[in-house]
């Protein structure tokens, strides 16, 4: 599968996950691991926002 990417995506993968886009693209296991991490982080952020919103009068 050929994915298009930007230099910002390359930089983000390198900084956040320590791998290059080429590694991400070529390894299904790494891709699944990173996407699971992203999902977990997204869910945590949503819980934080809900918590803050529920405390606001």
PDB file of N, CA and C in Angstrom:
ATOM      1  N   UNK A   1       0.842  -1.169   0.000  1.00  0.00           N
ATOM      2  CA  UNK A   1       0.000   0.000   0.000  1.00  0.00           C
ATOM      3  C   UNK A   1       0.893   1.239   0.000  1.00  0.00           C
ATOM      4  N   UNK A   2       0.688   2.125  -0.919  1.00  0.00           N
ATOM      5  CA  UNK A   2       1.473   3.343  -1.027  1.00  0.00           C
ATOM      6  C   UNK A   2       0.734   4.484  -0.338  1.00  0.00           C
ATOM      7  N   UNK A   3       1.343   5.043   0.686  1.00  0.00           N
ATOM      8  CA  UNK A   3       0.764   6.155   1.419  1.00  0.00           C
ATOM      9  C   UNK A   3       1.530   7.423   1.079  1.00  0.00           C
ATOM     10  N   UNK A   4       0.832   8.526   0.989  1.00  0.00           N
ATOM     11  CA  UNK A   4       1.527   9.788   0.770  1.00  0.00           C
ATOM     12  C   UNK A   4       1.768  10.435   2.132  1.00  0.00           C
ATOM     13  N   UNK A   5       2.875  11.166   2.252  1.00  0.00           N
ATOM     14  CA  UNK A   5       3.207  11.780   3.525  1.00  0.00           C
ATOM     15  C   UNK A   5       3.930  13.086   3.296  1.00  0.00           C
ATOM     16  N   UNK A   6       4.002  13.870   4.352  1.00  0.00           N
ATOM     17  CA  UNK A   6       4.686  15.158   4.298  1.00  0.00           C
ATOM     18  C   UNK A   6       5.907  15.116   5.207  1.00  0.00           C
ATOM     19  N   UNK A   7       6.740  16.122   5.093  1.00  0.00           N
ATOM     20  CA  UNK A   7       7.913  16.193   5.959  1.00  0.00           C
ATOM     21  C   UNK A   7       7.504  16.361   7.418  1.00  0.00           C
ATOM     22  N   UNK A   8       6.357  17.003   7.654  1.00  0.00           N
ATOM     23  CA  UNK A   8       5.860  17.155   9.019  1.00  0.00           C
ATOM     24  C   UNK A   8       5.471  15.800   9.613  1.00  0.00           C
ATOM     25  N   UNK A   9       4.897  14.933   8.789  1.00  0.00           N
ATOM     26  CA  UNK A   9       4.542  13.589   9.252  1.00  0.00           C
ATOM     27  C   UNK A   9       5.807  12.806   9.591  1.00  0.00           C
ATOM     28  N   UNK A  10       6.816  12.931   8.751  1.00  0.00           N
ATOM     29  CA  UNK A  10       8.095  12.258   8.985  1.00  0.00           C
ATOM     30  C   UNK A  10       8.691  12.719  10.314  1.00  0.00           C
ATOM     31  N   UNK A  11       8.700  14.020  10.512  1.00  0.00           N
ATOM     32  CA  UNK A  11       9.255  14.597  11.725  1.00  0.00           C
ATOM     33  C   UNK A  11       8.467  14.137  12.959  1.00  0.00           C
ATOM     34  N   UNK A  12       7.146  14.130  12.860  1.00  0.00           N
ATOM     35  CA  UNK A  12       6.306  13.711  13.970  1.00  0.00           C
ATOM     36  C   UNK A  12       6.515  12.256  14.348  1.00  0.00           C
ATOM     37  N   UNK A  13       6.602  11.390  13.355  1.00  0.00           N
ATOM     38  CA  UNK A  13       6.850   9.971  13.626  1.00  0.00           C
ATOM     39  C   UNK A  13       8.203   9.785  14.305  1.00  0.00           C
ATOM     40  N   UNK A  14       9.196  10.505  13.817  1.00  0.00           N
ATOM     41  CA  UNK A  14      10.536  10.384  14.378  1.00  0.00           C
ATOM     42  C   UNK A  14      10.575  10.880  15.824  1.00  0.00           C
ATOM     43  N   UNK A  15       9.943  12.028  16.081  1.00  0.00           N
ATOM     44  CA  UNK A  15       9.966  12.600  17.420  1.00  0.00           C
ATOM     45  C   UNK A  15       9.113  11.804  18.404  1.00  0.00           C
ATOM     46  N   UNK A  16       7.925  11.423  17.989  1.00  0.00           N
ATOM     47  CA  UNK A  16       6.973  10.789  18.908  1.00  0.00           C
ATOM     48  C   UNK A  16       7.206   9.289  19.070  1.00  0.00           C
ATOM     49  N   UNK A  17       7.572   8.617  17.978  1.00  0.00           N
ATOM     50  CA  UNK A  17       7.647   7.160  18.007  1.00  0.00           C
ATOM     51  C   UNK A  17       9.036   6.601  17.715  1.00  0.00           C
ATOM     52  N   UNK A  18       9.964   7.463  17.291  1.00  0.00           N
ATOM     53  CA  UNK A  18      11.341   7.035  17.072  1.00  0.00           C
ATOM     54  C   UNK A  18      11.553   6.172  15.844  1.00  0.00           C
ATOM     55  N   UNK A  19      10.666   6.293  14.853  1.00  0.00           N
ATOM     56  CA  UNK A  19      10.863   5.536  13.620  1.00  0.00           C
ATOM     57  C   UNK A  19      10.652   6.450  12.421  1.00  0.00           C
ATOM     58  N   UNK A  20      11.187   6.055  11.296  1.00  0.00           N
ATOM     59  CA  UNK A  20      11.009   6.826  10.067  1.00  0.00           C
ATOM     60  C   UNK A  20       9.695   6.427   9.399  1.00  0.00           C
ATOM     61  N   UNK A  21       9.284   7.255   8.463  1.00  0.00           N
ATOM     62  CA  UNK A  21       8.058   6.941   7.739  1.00  0.00           C
ATOM     63  C   UNK A  21       8.233   5.669   6.921  1.00  0.00           C
ATOM     64  N   UNK A  22       9.428   5.442   6.406  1.00  0.00           N
ATOM     65  CA  UNK A  22       9.686   4.225   5.624  1.00  0.00           C
ATOM     66  C   UNK A  22       9.469   2.984   6.484  1.00  0.00           C
ATOM     67  N   UNK A  23       9.925   3.033   7.742  1.00  0.00           N
ATOM     68  CA  UNK A  23       9.694   1.909   8.661  1.00  0.00           C
ATOM     69  C   UNK A  23       8.203   1.736   8.937  1.00  0.00           C
ATOM     70  N   UNK A  24       7.522   2.860   9.180  1.00  0.00           N
ATOM     71  CA  UNK A  24       6.083   2.846   9.451  1.00  0.00           C
ATOM     72  C   UNK A  24       5.333   2.214   8.283  1.00  0.00           C
ATOM     73  N   UNK A  25       5.699   2.613   7.083  1.00  0.00           N
ATOM     74  CA  UNK A  25       5.012   2.143   5.882  1.00  0.00           C
ATOM     75  C   UNK A  25       5.283   0.663   5.605  1.00  0.00           C
ATOM     76  N   UNK A  26       6.484   0.205   5.925  1.00  0.00           N
ATOM     77  CA  UNK A  26       6.856  -1.158   5.544  1.00  0.00           C
ATOM     78  C   UNK A  26       6.529  -2.221   6.588  1.00  0.00           C
ATOM     79  N   UNK A  27       6.236  -1.818   7.817  1.00  0.00           N
ATOM     80  CA  UNK A  27       5.996  -2.791   8.876  1.00  0.00           C
ATOM     81  C   UNK A  27       4.577  -2.694   9.411  1.00  0.00           C
ATOM     82  N   UNK A  28       3.772  -3.674   9.122  1.00  0.00           N
ATOM     83  CA  UNK A  28       2.393  -3.683   9.604  1.00  0.00           C
ATOM     84  C   UNK A  28       2.351  -3.703  11.125  1.00  0.00           C
ATOM     85  N   UNK A  29       3.229  -4.471  11.756  1.00  0.00           N
ATOM     86  CA  UNK A  29       3.248  -4.532  13.219  1.00  0.00           C
ATOM     87  C   UNK A  29       3.536  -3.165  13.835  1.00  0.00           C
ATOM     88  N   UNK A  30       4.518  -2.459  13.295  1.00  0.00           N
ATOM     89  CA  UNK A  30       4.848  -1.128  13.813  1.00  0.00           C
ATOM     90  C   UNK A  30       3.697  -0.160  13.560  1.00  0.00           C
ATOM     91  N   UNK A  31       3.099  -0.265  12.398  1.00  0.00           N
ATOM     92  CA  UNK A  31       1.988   0.622  12.065  1.00  0.00           C
ATOM     93  C   UNK A  31       0.815   0.397  13.018  1.00  0.00           C
ATOM     94  N   UNK A  32       0.491  -0.857  13.287  1.00  0.00           N
ATOM     95  CA  UNK A  32      -0.606  -1.165  14.204  1.00  0.00           C
ATOM     96  C   UNK A  32      -0.305  -0.685  15.617  1.00  0.00           C
ATOM     97  N   UNK A  33       0.938  -0.852  16.052  1.00  0.00           N
ATOM     98  CA  UNK A  33       1.331  -0.406  17.387  1.00  0.00           C
ATOM     99  C   UNK A  33       1.184   1.109  17.509  1.00  0.00           C
ATOM    100  N   UNK A  34       1.660   1.835  16.513  1.00  0.00           N
ATOM    101  CA  UNK A  34       1.576   3.295  16.542  1.00  0.00           C
ATOM    102  C   UNK A  34       0.122   3.748  16.494  1.00  0.00           C
ATOM    103  N   UNK A  35      -0.685   3.131  15.659  1.00  0.00           N
ATOM    104  CA  UNK A  35      -2.090   3.531  15.574  1.00  0.00           C
ATOM    105  C   UNK A  35      -2.827   3.227  16.873  1.00  0.00           C
ATOM    106  N   UNK A  36      -2.467   2.147  17.561  1.00  0.00           N
ATOM    107  CA  UNK A  36      -3.071   1.849  18.863  1.00  0.00           C
ATOM    108  C   UNK A  36      -2.657   2.906  19.889  1.00  0.00           C
ATOM    109  N   UNK A  37      -1.394   3.305  19.861  1.00  0.00           N
ATOM    110  CA  UNK A  37      -0.928   4.365  20.758  1.00  0.00           C
ATOM    111  C   UNK A  37      -1.674   5.665  20.486  1.00  0.00           C
ATOM    112  N   UNK A  38      -1.879   5.987  19.224  1.00  0.00           N
ATOM    113  CA  UNK A  38      -2.606   7.212  18.864  1.00  0.00           C
ATOM    114  C   UNK A  38      -4.046   7.152  19.349  1.00  0.00           C
ATOM    115  N   UNK A  39      -4.668   6.006  19.197  1.00  0.00           N
ATOM    116  CA  UNK A  39      -6.047   5.835  19.658  1.00  0.00           C
ATOM    117  C   UNK A  39      -6.119   6.003  21.169  1.00  0.00           C
ATOM    118  N   UNK A  40      -5.198   5.387  21.885  1.00  0.00           N
ATOM    119  CA  UNK A  40      -5.183   5.497  23.344  1.00  0.00           C
ATOM    120  C   UNK A  40      -4.988   6.943  23.790  1.00  0.00           C
ATOM    121  N   UNK A  41      -4.071   7.652  23.126  1.00  0.00           N
ATOM    122  CA  UNK A  41      -3.827   9.049  23.474  1.00  0.00           C
ATOM    123  C   UNK A  41      -5.048   9.914  23.173  1.00  0.00           C
ATOM    124  N   UNK A  42      -5.685   9.663  22.052  1.00  0.00           N
ATOM    125  CA  UNK A  42      -6.885  10.406  21.682  1.00  0.00           C
ATOM    126  C   UNK A  42      -7.995  10.182  22.712  1.00  0.00           C
ATOM    127  N   UNK A  43      -8.185   8.940  23.118  1.00  0.00           N
ATOM    128  CA  UNK A  43      -9.203   8.618  24.118  1.00  0.00           C
ATOM    129  C   UNK A  43      -8.896   9.297  25.454  1.00  0.00           C
ATOM    130  N   UNK A  44      -7.623   9.304  25.846  1.00  0.00           N
ATOM    131  CA  UNK A  44      -7.229   9.950  27.098  1.00  0.00           C
ATOM    132  C   UNK A  44      -7.503  11.452  27.045  1.00  0.00           C
ATOM    133  N   UNK A  45      -7.221  12.068  25.922  1.00  0.00           N
ATOM    134  CA  UNK A  45      -7.489  13.500  25.759  1.00  0.00           C
ATOM    135  C   UNK A  45      -8.989  13.785  25.830  1.00  0.00           C
ATOM    136  N   UNK A  46      -9.779  12.937  25.203  1.00  0.00           N
ATOM    137  CA  UNK A  46     -11.231  13.114  25.261  1.00  0.00           C
ATOM    138  C   UNK A  46     -11.749  12.994  26.690  1.00  0.00           C
ATOM    139  N   UNK A  47     -11.208  12.033  27.460  1.00  0.00           N
ATOM    140  CA  UNK A  47     -11.617  11.888  28.862  1.00  0.00           C
ATOM    141  C   UNK A  47     -11.231  13.124  29.665  1.00  0.00           C
ATOM    142  N   UNK A  48     -10.053  13.680  29.400  1.00  0.00           N
ATOM    143  CA  UNK A  48      -9.607  14.883  30.085  1.00  0.00           C
ATOM    144  C   UNK A  48     -10.541  16.055  29.789  1.00  0.00           C
ATOM    145  N   UNK A  49     -10.882  16.239  28.539  1.00  0.00           N
ATOM    146  CA  UNK A  49     -11.785  17.323  28.153  1.00  0.00           C
ATOM    147  C   UNK A  49     -13.141  17.144  28.825  1.00  0.00           C
ATOM    148  N   UNK A  50     -13.679  15.931  28.825  1.00  0.00           N
ATOM    149  CA  UNK A  50     -14.963  15.675  29.477  1.00  0.00           C
ATOM    150  C   UNK A  50     -14.885  15.969  30.967  1.00  0.00           C
ATOM    151  N   UNK A  51     -13.771  15.611  31.582  1.00  0.00           N
ATOM    152  CA  UNK A  51     -13.581  15.868  33.010  1.00  0.00           C
ATOM    153  C   UNK A  51     -13.572  17.370  33.292  1.00  0.00           C
ATOM    154  N   UNK A  52     -12.863  18.106  32.477  1.00  0.00           N
ATOM    155  CA  UNK A  52     -12.796  19.567  32.645  1.00  0.00           C
ATOM    156  C   UNK A  52     -14.163  20.186  32.414  1.00  0.00           C
ATOM    157  N   UNK A  53     -14.862  19.744  31.388  1.00  0.00           N
ATOM    158  CA  UNK A  53     -16.170  20.296  31.081  1.00  0.00           C
ATOM    159  C   UNK A  53     -17.188  19.988  32.172  1.00  0.00           C
ATOM    160  N   UNK A  54     -17.079  18.829  32.800  1.00  0.00           N
ATOM    161  CA  UNK A  54     -18.037  18.471  33.847  1.00  0.00           C
ATOM    162  C   UNK A  54     -17.793  19.261  35.131  1.00  0.00           C
ATOM    163  N   UNK A  55     -16.585  19.822  35.304  1.00  0.00           N
ATOM    164  CA  UNK A  55     -16.263  20.610  36.488  1.00  0.00           C
ATOM    165  C   UNK A  55     -16.612  22.081  36.313  1.00  0.00           C
ATOM    166  N   UNK A  56     -16.853  22.499  35.079  1.00  0.00           N
ATOM    167  CA  UNK A  56     -17.169  23.898  34.801  1.00  0.00           C
ATOM    168  C   UNK A  56     -18.629  24.152  35.157  1.00  0.00           C
ATOM    169  N   UNK A  57     -18.857  25.203  35.980  1.00  0.00           N
ATOM    170  CA  UNK A  57     -20.253  25.481  36.391  1.00  0.00           C
ATOM    171  C   UNK A  57     -21.133  25.939  35.275  1.00  0.00           C
TER     172      UNK A  57
END
